[in-house]
C-alpha atoms as a PDB file:
ATOM      1  CA  UNK A   1      64.729 135.028 103.700  1.00  0.00           C
ATOM      2  CA  UNK A   2      66.544 135.496 106.957  1.00  0.00           C
ATOM      3  CA  UNK A   3      66.860 132.184 108.750  1.00  0.00           C
ATOM      4  CA  UNK A   4      66.815 131.748 112.510  1.00  0.00           C
ATOM      5  CA  UNK A   5      68.110 129.011 114.740  1.00  0.00           C
ATOM      6  CA  UNK A   6      67.078 129.231 118.376  1.00  0.00           C
ATOM      7  CA  UNK A   7      68.695 126.206 119.937  1.00  0.00           C
ATOM      8  CA  UNK A   8      68.015 123.950 116.975  1.00  0.00           C
ATOM      9  CA  UNK A   9      65.469 125.342 114.582  1.00  0.00           C
ATOM     10  CA  UNK A  10      65.773 125.576 110.836  1.00  0.00           C
ATOM     11  CA  UNK A  11      63.429 128.059 109.113  1.00  0.00           C
ATOM     12  CA  UNK A  12      61.667 127.751 105.791  1.00  0.00           C
ATOM     13  CA  UNK A  13      61.866 131.119 104.064  1.00  0.00           C
ATOM     14  CA  UNK A  14      59.031 132.469 101.914  1.00  0.00           C
ATOM     15  CA  UNK A  15      60.851 132.943  98.658  1.00  0.00           C
ATOM     16  CA  UNK A  16      63.849 134.448 100.419  1.00  0.00           C
ATOM     17  CA  UNK A  17      64.510 138.075 101.325  1.00  0.00           C
ATOM     18  CA  UNK A  18      64.805 139.202  97.731  1.00  0.00           C
ATOM     19  CA  UNK A  19      61.156 138.283  97.286  1.00  0.00           C
ATOM     20  CA  UNK A  20      60.126 141.007  99.741  1.00  0.00           C
ATOM     21  CA  UNK A  21      59.776 143.210  96.686  1.00  0.00           C
ATOM     22  CA  UNK A  22      57.794 140.708  94.666  1.00  0.00           C
ATOM     23  CA  UNK A  23      54.421 142.036  93.566  1.00  0.00           C
ATOM     24  CA  UNK A  24      51.759 140.381  91.434  1.00  0.00           C
ATOM     25  CA  UNK A  25      49.931 142.630  89.033  1.00  0.00           C
ATOM     26  CA  UNK A  26      46.421 141.346  89.627  1.00  0.00           C
ATOM     27  CA  UNK A  27      45.034 143.098  86.571  1.00  0.00           C
ATOM     28  CA  UNK A  28      46.618 140.321  84.540  1.00  0.00           C
ATOM     29  CA  UNK A  29      44.484 137.687  86.302  1.00  0.00           C
ATOM     30  CA  UNK A  30      41.106 138.081  84.641  1.00  0.00           C
ATOM     31  CA  UNK A  31      39.844 134.538  84.235  1.00  0.00           C
ATOM     32  CA  UNK A  32      38.783 133.744  87.796  1.00  0.00           C
ATOM     33  CA  UNK A  33      35.083 133.213  87.144  1.00  0.00           C
ATOM     34  CA  UNK A  34      35.892 130.950  84.208  1.00  0.00           C
ATOM     35  CA  UNK A  35      38.441 129.041  86.250  1.00  0.00           C
ATOM     36  CA  UNK A  36      35.924 128.274  88.959  1.00  0.00           C
ATOM     37  CA  UNK A  37      33.812 126.376  86.440  1.00  0.00           C
ATOM     38  CA  UNK A  38      36.548 123.914  85.509  1.00  0.00           C
ATOM     39  CA  UNK A  39      38.710 123.704  88.628  1.00  0.00           C
ATOM     40  CA  UNK A  40      35.945 122.384  90.894  1.00  0.00           C
ATOM     41  CA  UNK A  41      36.029 122.381  94.690  1.00  0.00           C
ATOM     42  CA  UNK A  42      37.487 119.672  96.901  1.00  0.00           C
ATOM     43  CA  UNK A  43      34.812 120.165  99.535  1.00  0.00           C
ATOM     44  CA  UNK A  44      31.236 121.006  98.606  1.00  0.00           C
ATOM     45  CA  UNK A  45      28.367 122.422 100.634  1.00  0.00           C
ATOM     46  CA  UNK A  46      26.226 119.985 102.620  1.00  0.00           C
ATOM     47  CA  UNK A  47      23.208 120.721 100.437  1.00  0.00           C
ATOM     48  CA  UNK A  48      23.323 121.449  96.740  1.00  0.00           C
ATOM     49  CA  UNK A  49      20.596 122.470  94.364  1.00  0.00           C
ATOM     50  CA  UNK A  50      19.460 119.696  92.039  1.00  0.00           C
ATOM     51  CA  UNK A  51      17.514 119.969  88.836  1.00  0.00           C
ATOM     52  CA  UNK A  52      16.190 116.470  89.348  1.00  0.00           C
ATOM     53  CA  UNK A  53      12.471 117.205  89.789  1.00  0.00           C
ATOM     54  CA  UNK A  54      13.191 120.702  91.071  1.00  0.00           C
ATOM     55  CA  UNK A  55      14.028 119.341  94.533  1.00  0.00           C
ATOM     56  CA  UNK A  56      17.022 119.776  96.755  1.00  0.00           C
ATOM     57  CA  UNK A  57      19.258 116.768  97.106  1.00  0.00           C
ATOM     58  CA  UNK A  58      21.474 116.098 100.054  1.00  0.00           C
ATOM     59  CA  UNK A  59      24.952 115.521  98.648  1.00  0.00           C
ATOM     60  CA  UNK A  60      26.955 114.775 101.785  1.00  0.00           C
ATOM     61  CA  UNK A  61      25.707 115.253 105.351  1.00  0.00           C
ATOM     62  CA  UNK A  62      29.293 115.273 106.656  1.00  0.00           C
ATOM     63  CA  UNK A  63      30.757 117.900 104.333  1.00  0.00           C
ATOM     64  CA  UNK A  64      32.135 121.125 105.776  1.00  0.00           C
ATOM     65  CA  UNK A  65      30.410 124.485 105.396  1.00  0.00           C
ATOM     66  CA  UNK A  66      31.677 126.474 102.458  1.00  0.00           C
ATOM     67  CA  UNK A  67      34.511 128.869 103.274  1.00  0.00           C
ATOM     68  CA  UNK A  68      34.672 132.056 101.245  1.00  0.00           C
ATOM     69  CA  UNK A  69      37.835 132.844  99.294  1.00  0.00           C
ATOM     70  CA  UNK A  70      38.688 135.837 101.452  1.00  0.00           C
ATOM     71  CA  UNK A  71      38.008 133.984 104.698  1.00  0.00           C
ATOM     72  CA  UNK A  72      40.347 131.191 103.596  1.00  0.00           C
ATOM     73  CA  UNK A  73      43.219 133.548 102.807  1.00  0.00           C
ATOM     74  CA  UNK A  74      42.875 135.811 105.832  1.00  0.00           C
ATOM     75  CA  UNK A  75      42.034 132.926 108.129  1.00  0.00           C
ATOM     76  CA  UNK A  76      45.388 131.341 107.269  1.00  0.00           C
ATOM     77  CA  UNK A  77      47.104 134.695 107.847  1.00  0.00           C
ATOM     78  CA  UNK A  78      45.291 134.943 111.184  1.00  0.00           C
ATOM     79  CA  UNK A  79      46.434 131.492 112.323  1.00  0.00           C
ATOM     80  CA  UNK A  80      50.023 132.266 111.317  1.00  0.00           C
ATOM     81  CA  UNK A  81      49.807 135.535 113.246  1.00  0.00           C
ATOM     82  CA  UNK A  82      48.418 133.839 116.363  1.00  0.00           C
ATOM     83  CA  UNK A  83      51.131 131.163 116.348  1.00  0.00           C
ATOM     84  CA  UNK A  84      53.807 133.800 115.808  1.00  0.00           C
ATOM     85  CA  UNK A  85      52.417 135.643 118.830  1.00  0.00           C
ATOM     86  CA  UNK A  86      52.804 132.465 120.872  1.00  0.00           C
ATOM     87  CA  UNK A  87      56.453 132.202 119.788  1.00  0.00           C
ATOM     88  CA  UNK A  88      57.095 135.805 120.799  1.00  0.00           C
ATOM     89  CA  UNK A  89      55.462 135.236 124.173  1.00  0.00           C
ATOM     90  CA  UNK A  90      57.445 132.043 124.741  1.00  0.00           C
ATOM     91  CA  UNK A  91      60.737 133.690 123.805  1.00  0.00           C
ATOM     92  CA  UNK A  92      60.073 136.731 125.995  1.00  0.00           C
ATOM     93  CA  UNK A  93      59.250 134.544 128.982  1.00  0.00           C
ATOM     94  CA  UNK A  94      61.865 131.848 128.488  1.00  0.00           C
ATOM     95  CA  UNK A  95      63.499 132.510 131.877  1.00  0.00           C
ATOM     96  CA  UNK A  96      60.263 132.753 133.858  1.00  0.00           C
ATOM     97  CA  UNK A  97      58.463 129.915 132.074  1.00  0.00           C
ATOM     98  CA  UNK A  98      60.858 127.693 130.077  1.00  0.00           C
ATOM     99  CA  UNK A  99      58.177 125.038 129.638  1.00  0.00           C
ATOM    100  CA  UNK A 100      56.312 127.263 127.174  1.00  0.00           C
ATOM    101  CA  UNK A 101      59.182 127.499 124.682  1.00  0.00           C
ATOM    102  CA  UNK A 102      59.714 123.759 125.060  1.00  0.00           C
ATOM    103  CA  UNK A 103      56.066 123.123 124.227  1.00  0.00           C
ATOM    104  CA  UNK A 104      56.337 125.373 121.165  1.00  0.00           C
ATOM    105  CA  UNK A 105      59.280 123.347 119.857  1.00  0.00           C
ATOM    106  CA  UNK A 106      57.462 120.128 120.587  1.00  0.00           C
ATOM    107  CA  UNK A 107      54.257 121.149 118.801  1.00  0.00           C
ATOM    108  CA  UNK A 108      55.185 123.682 116.106  1.00  0.00           C
ATOM    109  CA  UNK A 109      58.530 122.448 114.747  1.00  0.00           C
ATOM    110  CA  UNK A 110      58.786 119.442 112.437  1.00  0.00           C
ATOM    111  CA  UNK A 111      61.724 117.127 113.019  1.00  0.00           C
ATOM    112  CA  UNK A 112      62.480 113.421 112.813  1.00  0.00           C
ATOM    113  CA  UNK A 113      62.384 113.061 116.586  1.00  0.00           C
ATOM    114  CA  UNK A 114      59.121 114.976 116.909  1.00  0.00           C
ATOM    115  CA  UNK A 115      57.321 112.971 114.218  1.00  0.00           C
ATOM    116  CA  UNK A 116      58.769 109.463 114.522  1.00  0.00           C
ATOM    117  CA  UNK A 117      60.203 109.240 118.036  1.00  0.00           C
ATOM    118  CA  UNK A 118      57.623 111.254 119.981  1.00  0.00           C
ATOM    119  CA  UNK A 119      54.760 110.521 117.515  1.00  0.00           C
ATOM    120  CA  UNK A 120      53.872 114.194 117.199  1.00  0.00           C
ATOM    121  CA  UNK A 121      52.587 113.720 113.662  1.00  0.00           C
ATOM    122  CA  UNK A 122      50.592 116.955 113.827  1.00  0.00           C
ATOM    123  CA  UNK A 123      53.838 118.925 113.531  1.00  0.00           C
ATOM    124  CA  UNK A 124      53.787 118.018 109.832  1.00  0.00           C
ATOM    125  CA  UNK A 125      50.929 120.543 109.627  1.00  0.00           C
ATOM    126  CA  UNK A 126      51.493 122.946 112.524  1.00  0.00           C
ATOM    127  CA  UNK A 127      55.052 123.752 111.441  1.00  0.00           C
ATOM    128  CA  UNK A 128      53.543 125.321 108.297  1.00  0.00           C
ATOM    129  CA  UNK A 129      51.908 127.964 110.515  1.00  0.00           C
ATOM    130  CA  UNK A 130      55.014 128.637 112.592  1.00  0.00           C
ATOM    131  CA  UNK A 131      57.726 131.298 112.143  1.00  0.00           C
ATOM    132  CA  UNK A 132      61.079 132.027 113.692  1.00  0.00           C
ATOM    133  CA  UNK A 133      61.152 135.825 113.808  1.00  0.00           C
ATOM    134  CA  UNK A 134      59.388 138.917 112.491  1.00  0.00           C
ATOM    135  CA  UNK A 135      61.179 139.065 109.127  1.00  0.00           C
ATOM    136  CA  UNK A 136      60.520 135.354 108.594  1.00  0.00           C
ATOM    137  CA  UNK A 137      56.831 135.899 109.326  1.00  0.00           C
ATOM    138  CA  UNK A 138      56.265 139.139 107.399  1.00  0.00           C
ATOM    139  CA  UNK A 139      57.989 138.020 104.189  1.00  0.00           C
ATOM    140  CA  UNK A 140      56.072 134.748 104.049  1.00  0.00           C
ATOM    141  CA  UNK A 141      52.787 136.549 104.632  1.00  0.00           C
ATOM    142  CA  UNK A 142      53.619 139.204 102.011  1.00  0.00           C
ATOM    143  CA  UNK A 143      54.239 136.581  99.339  1.00  0.00           C
ATOM    144  CA  UNK A 144      51.227 134.564 100.518  1.00  0.00           C
ATOM    145  CA  UNK A 145      48.856 137.536 100.275  1.00  0.00           C
ATOM    146  CA  UNK A 146      50.249 138.349  96.803  1.00  0.00           C
ATOM    147  CA  UNK A 147      49.663 134.919  95.250  1.00  0.00           C
ATOM    148  CA  UNK A 148      47.044 133.504  97.617  1.00  0.00           C
ATOM    149  CA  UNK A 149      43.932 135.549  96.699  1.00  0.00           C
ATOM    150  CA  UNK A 150      43.834 134.683  92.966  1.00  0.00           C
ATOM    151  CA  UNK A 151      44.573 131.019  93.687  1.00  0.00           C
ATOM    152  CA  UNK A 152      41.863 130.953  96.374  1.00  0.00           C
ATOM    153  CA  UNK A 153      39.401 132.583  93.959  1.00  0.00           C
ATOM    154  CA  UNK A 154      40.237 129.903  91.410  1.00  0.00           C
ATOM    155  CA  UNK A 155      39.997 126.884  93.713  1.00  0.00           C
ATOM    156  CA  UNK A 156      37.396 128.093  96.192  1.00  0.00           C
ATOM    157  CA  UNK A 157      37.997 128.643  99.885  1.00  0.00           C
ATOM    158  CA  UNK A 158      37.697 125.035 101.088  1.00  0.00           C
ATOM    159  CA  UNK A 159      39.980 123.609  98.426  1.00  0.00           C
ATOM    160  CA  UNK A 160      42.473 126.418  98.993  1.00  0.00           C
ATOM    161  CA  UNK A 161      42.733 125.612 102.707  1.00  0.00           C
ATOM    162  CA  UNK A 162      43.270 121.937 101.892  1.00  0.00           C
ATOM    163  CA  UNK A 163      45.865 122.884  99.286  1.00  0.00           C
ATOM    164  CA  UNK A 164      47.778 124.964 101.852  1.00  0.00           C
ATOM    165  CA  UNK A 165      47.728 122.092 104.339  1.00  0.00           C
ATOM    166  CA  UNK A 166      48.719 119.553 101.673  1.00  0.00           C
ATOM    167  CA  UNK A 167      51.631 121.677 100.476  1.00  0.00           C
ATOM    168  CA  UNK A 168      52.698 122.202 104.086  1.00  0.00           C
ATOM    169  CA  UNK A 169      52.699 118.460 104.755  1.00  0.00           C
ATOM    170  CA  UNK A 170      54.643 117.832 101.533  1.00  0.00           C
ATOM    171  CA  UNK A 171      57.150 120.464 102.609  1.00  0.00           C
ATOM    172  CA  UNK A 172      57.567 118.849 106.027  1.00  0.00           C
ATOM    173  CA  UNK A 173      57.962 115.392 104.486  1.00  0.00           C
ATOM    174  CA  UNK A 174      60.586 116.685 102.055  1.00  0.00           C
ATOM    175  CA  UNK A 175      62.523 118.222 104.941  1.00  0.00           C
ATOM    176  CA  UNK A 176      62.466 114.952 106.873  1.00  0.00           C
ATOM    177  CA  UNK A 177      63.559 112.831 103.904  1.00  0.00           C
ATOM    178  CA  UNK A 178      66.274 115.279 102.880  1.00  0.00           C
ATOM    179  CA  UNK A 179      67.855 115.665 106.312  1.00  0.00           C
ATOM    180  CA  UNK A 180      67.576 111.967 107.137  1.00  0.00           C
ATOM    181  CA  UNK A 181      68.652 110.293 103.899  1.00  0.00           C
ATOM    182  CA  UNK A 182      69.949 112.735 101.272  1.00  0.00           C
ATOM    183  CA  UNK A 183      71.953 115.307 103.219  1.00  0.00           C
ATOM    184  CA  UNK A 184      74.161 112.746 105.020  1.00  0.00           C
ATOM    185  CA  UNK A 185      75.175 111.293 101.649  1.00  0.00           C
ATOM    186  CA  UNK A 186      75.862 114.701 100.164  1.00  0.00           C
ATOM    187  CA  UNK A 187      78.004 115.597 103.173  1.00  0.00           C
ATOM    188  CA  UNK A 188      79.475 112.082 103.352  1.00  0.00           C
ATOM    189  CA  UNK A 189      78.361 111.652 106.923  1.00  0.00           C
ATOM    190  CA  UNK A 190      76.925 108.577 108.579  1.00  0.00           C
ATOM    191  CA  UNK A 191      74.280 110.672 110.293  1.00  0.00           C
ATOM    192  CA  UNK A 192      73.106 114.278 110.170  1.00  0.00           C
ATOM    193  CA  UNK A 193      71.186 115.660 113.133  1.00  0.00           C
ATOM    194  CA  UNK A 194      67.842 117.203 112.261  1.00  0.00           C
ATOM    195  CA  UNK A 195      67.361 120.370 114.303  1.00  0.00           C
ATOM    196  CA  UNK A 196      63.855 120.811 112.958  1.00  0.00           C
ATOM    197  CA  UNK A 197      62.120 123.176 110.562  1.00  0.00           C
ATOM    198  CA  UNK A 198      59.275 125.682 110.693  1.00  0.00           C
ATOM    199  CA  UNK A 199      57.736 128.176 108.310  1.00  0.00           C
ATOM    200  CA  UNK A 200      54.926 128.672 105.821  1.00  0.00           C
ATOM    201  CA  UNK A 201      57.257 128.932 102.861  1.00  0.00           C
ATOM    202  CA  UNK A 202      56.790 125.358 101.661  1.00  0.00           C
ATOM    203  CA  UNK A 203      53.045 125.958 101.364  1.00  0.00           C
ATOM    204  CA  UNK A 204      53.667 129.453  99.963  1.00  0.00           C
ATOM    205  CA  UNK A 205      56.032 128.042  97.331  1.00  0.00           C
ATOM    206  CA  UNK A 206      53.376 125.532  96.290  1.00  0.00           C
ATOM    207  CA  UNK A 207      50.759 128.285  95.979  1.00  0.00           C
ATOM    208  CA  UNK A 208      53.149 130.557  94.066  1.00  0.00           C
ATOM    209  CA  UNK A 209      54.121 127.821  91.638  1.00  0.00           C
ATOM    210  CA  UNK A 210      50.494 126.817  91.088  1.00  0.00           C
ATOM    211  CA  UNK A 211      49.765 130.457  90.242  1.00  0.00           C
ATOM    212  CA  UNK A 212      52.679 130.509  87.793  1.00  0.00           C
ATOM    213  CA  UNK A 213      51.563 127.281  86.114  1.00  0.00           C
ATOM    214  CA  UNK A 214      47.980 128.491  85.667  1.00  0.00           C
ATOM    215  CA  UNK A 215      48.958 132.038  84.636  1.00  0.00           C
ATOM    216  CA  UNK A 216      52.510 131.649  83.271  1.00  0.00           C
ATOM    217  CA  UNK A 217      52.512 134.993  81.443  1.00  0.00           C
ATOM    218  CA  UNK A 218      51.094 137.088  84.290  1.00  0.00           C
ATOM    219  CA  UNK A 219      53.503 139.881  85.133  1.00  0.00           C
ATOM    220  CA  UNK A 220      55.396 139.611  88.402  1.00  0.00           C
ATOM    221  CA  UNK A 221      57.460 142.650  89.351  1.00  0.00           C
ATOM    222  CA  UNK A 222      60.663 141.645  91.102  1.00  0.00           C
ATOM    223  CA  UNK A 223      62.047 144.220  93.552  1.00  0.00           C
ATOM    224  CA  UNK A 224      59.167 146.459  92.364  1.00  0.00           C
ATOM    225  CA  UNK A 225      61.376 147.192  89.336  1.00  0.00           C
ATOM    226  CA  UNK A 226      61.977 144.142  87.124  1.00  0.00           C
ATOM    227  CA  UNK A 227      58.836 142.807  85.351  1.00  0.00           C
ATOM    228  CA  UNK A 228      58.971 139.096  84.599  1.00  0.00           C
ATOM    229  CA  UNK A 229      56.494 136.434  83.506  1.00  0.00           C
ATOM    230  CA  UNK A 230      55.328 134.557  86.593  1.00  0.00           C
ATOM    231  CA  UNK A 231      56.674 131.234  85.368  1.00  0.00           C
ATOM    232  CA  UNK A 232      60.202 132.655  85.103  1.00  0.00           C
ATOM    233  CA  UNK A 233      60.077 134.570  88.378  1.00  0.00           C
ATOM    234  CA  UNK A 234      58.711 131.732  90.509  1.00  0.00           C
ATOM    235  CA  UNK A 235      60.437 129.002  88.515  1.00  0.00           C
ATOM    236  CA  UNK A 236      63.749 130.782  88.955  1.00  0.00           C
ATOM    237  CA  UNK A 237      63.454 130.702  92.731  1.00  0.00           C
ATOM    238  CA  UNK A 238      62.508 127.017  92.683  1.00  0.00           C
ATOM    239  CA  UNK A 239      65.483 126.221  90.441  1.00  0.00           C
ATOM    240  CA  UNK A 240      67.771 128.128  92.801  1.00  0.00           C
ATOM    241  CA  UNK A 241      66.409 126.144  95.741  1.00  0.00           C
ATOM    242  CA  UNK A 242      67.152 122.929  93.858  1.00  0.00           C
ATOM    243  CA  UNK A 243      70.701 124.098  93.193  1.00  0.00           C
ATOM    244  CA  UNK A 244      71.296 125.033  96.822  1.00  0.00           C
ATOM    245  CA  UNK A 245      69.823 121.800  98.149  1.00  0.00           C
ATOM    246  CA  UNK A 246      71.916 119.667  95.780  1.00  0.00           C
ATOM    247  CA  UNK A 247      75.139 121.561  96.510  1.00  0.00           C
ATOM    248  CA  UNK A 248      74.528 121.796 100.272  1.00  0.00           C
ATOM    249  CA  UNK A 249      74.732 125.591 100.232  1.00  0.00           C
ATOM    250  CA  UNK A 250      71.377 126.263 101.862  1.00  0.00           C
ATOM    251  CA  UNK A 251      72.751 127.433 105.175  1.00  0.00           C
ATOM    252  CA  UNK A 252      69.885 127.547 107.650  1.00  0.00           C
ATOM    253  CA  UNK A 253      67.247 127.941 104.933  1.00  0.00           C
ATOM    254  CA  UNK A 254      65.195 124.823 104.404  1.00  0.00           C
ATOM    255  CA  UNK A 255      65.384 124.632 100.629  1.00  0.00           C
ATOM    256  CA  UNK A 256      64.239 121.007 100.707  1.00  0.00           C
ATOM    257  CA  UNK A 257      61.020 122.196 102.344  1.00  0.00           C
ATOM    258  CA  UNK A 258      60.526 124.695  99.524  1.00  0.00           C
ATOM    259  CA  UNK A 259      61.006 121.941  96.958  1.00  0.00           C
ATOM    260  CA  UNK A 260      58.470 119.701  98.700  1.00  0.00           C
ATOM    261  CA  UNK A 261      55.856 122.447  98.488  1.00  0.00           C
ATOM    262  CA  UNK A 262      56.784 123.136  94.868  1.00  0.00           C
ATOM    263  CA  UNK A 263      56.426 119.450  93.970  1.00  0.00           C
ATOM    264  CA  UNK A 264      52.971 119.414  95.549  1.00  0.00           C
ATOM    265  CA  UNK A 265      51.977 122.454  93.490  1.00  0.00           C
ATOM    266  CA  UNK A 266      53.149 120.827  90.259  1.00  0.00           C
ATOM    267  CA  UNK A 267      51.380 117.558  91.076  1.00  0.00           C
ATOM    268  CA  UNK A 268      48.130 119.347  91.939  1.00  0.00           C
ATOM    269  CA  UNK A 269      48.244 121.323  88.712  1.00  0.00           C
ATOM    270  CA  UNK A 270      49.022 118.238  86.604  1.00  0.00           C
ATOM    271  CA  UNK A 271      46.372 115.991  88.169  1.00  0.00           C
ATOM    272  CA  UNK A 272      43.501 118.357  88.934  1.00  0.00           C
ATOM    273  CA  UNK A 273      43.838 121.446  86.776  1.00  0.00           C
ATOM    274  CA  UNK A 274      45.836 120.971  83.590  1.00  0.00           C
ATOM    275  CA  UNK A 275      43.427 118.544  81.903  1.00  0.00           C
ATOM    276  CA  UNK A 276      40.395 120.671  82.861  1.00  0.00           C
ATOM    277  CA  UNK A 277      41.588 123.991  81.510  1.00  0.00           C
ATOM    278  CA  UNK A 278      39.337 125.197  78.710  1.00  0.00           C
ATOM    279  CA  UNK A 279      40.073 128.880  78.115  1.00  0.00           C
END
């Protein structure tokens, strides 16, 4: 993925530019209705039908309304699009209204100073809906809309939204820990300045890896030419991110953020899905 640094920003790529030609053959994913039975939903409807005496039972008066699978996927795309529009507006009006671009960096970029010095903890989440430029945005959304729909159909809309947010937070946390504690040691520096990070790719990596773990043999066509099992295609990108992070060859791509999202995907699969799979 093309990275972008405007003043001090580090971008999280989707699965990198080469993944622009990554396509999931959805005909291979044919267990969605079965998966819904064992995966469960993190958030249920306020009222659920009960067989206890044929009456309705109130399960949780504070639970959120159920979000459909499609609404979850395209709602996330919509939020990413809206935030990207704000970045474009801020960049185009930087001379007339410099406060707008400053506010965007303060509220949609995750960095050590933003989170721990200025107490802008919400940037752990908002940075996962924020993109540097058009290529950064379009590639992340392409990969997201390839892997997102089957994962959303499996988890349900509410759980999918929470998964995206959780993977985004894990990605942000990984970026902070890497730039603050690991990168200085790898570079043999006393301190390494954190310019900040933004991008949906940490969350997208978590979703992609969860897909690959649930459907490891599903065919993923790389560059629209090379068919590979999903576990090899997605796992290969994650392994490459690990290599680049450990050898400090990431450039301006936030490979640590990718790995944080990937770790969240693995943990979610191991804790919530692997022991429940029955097909």
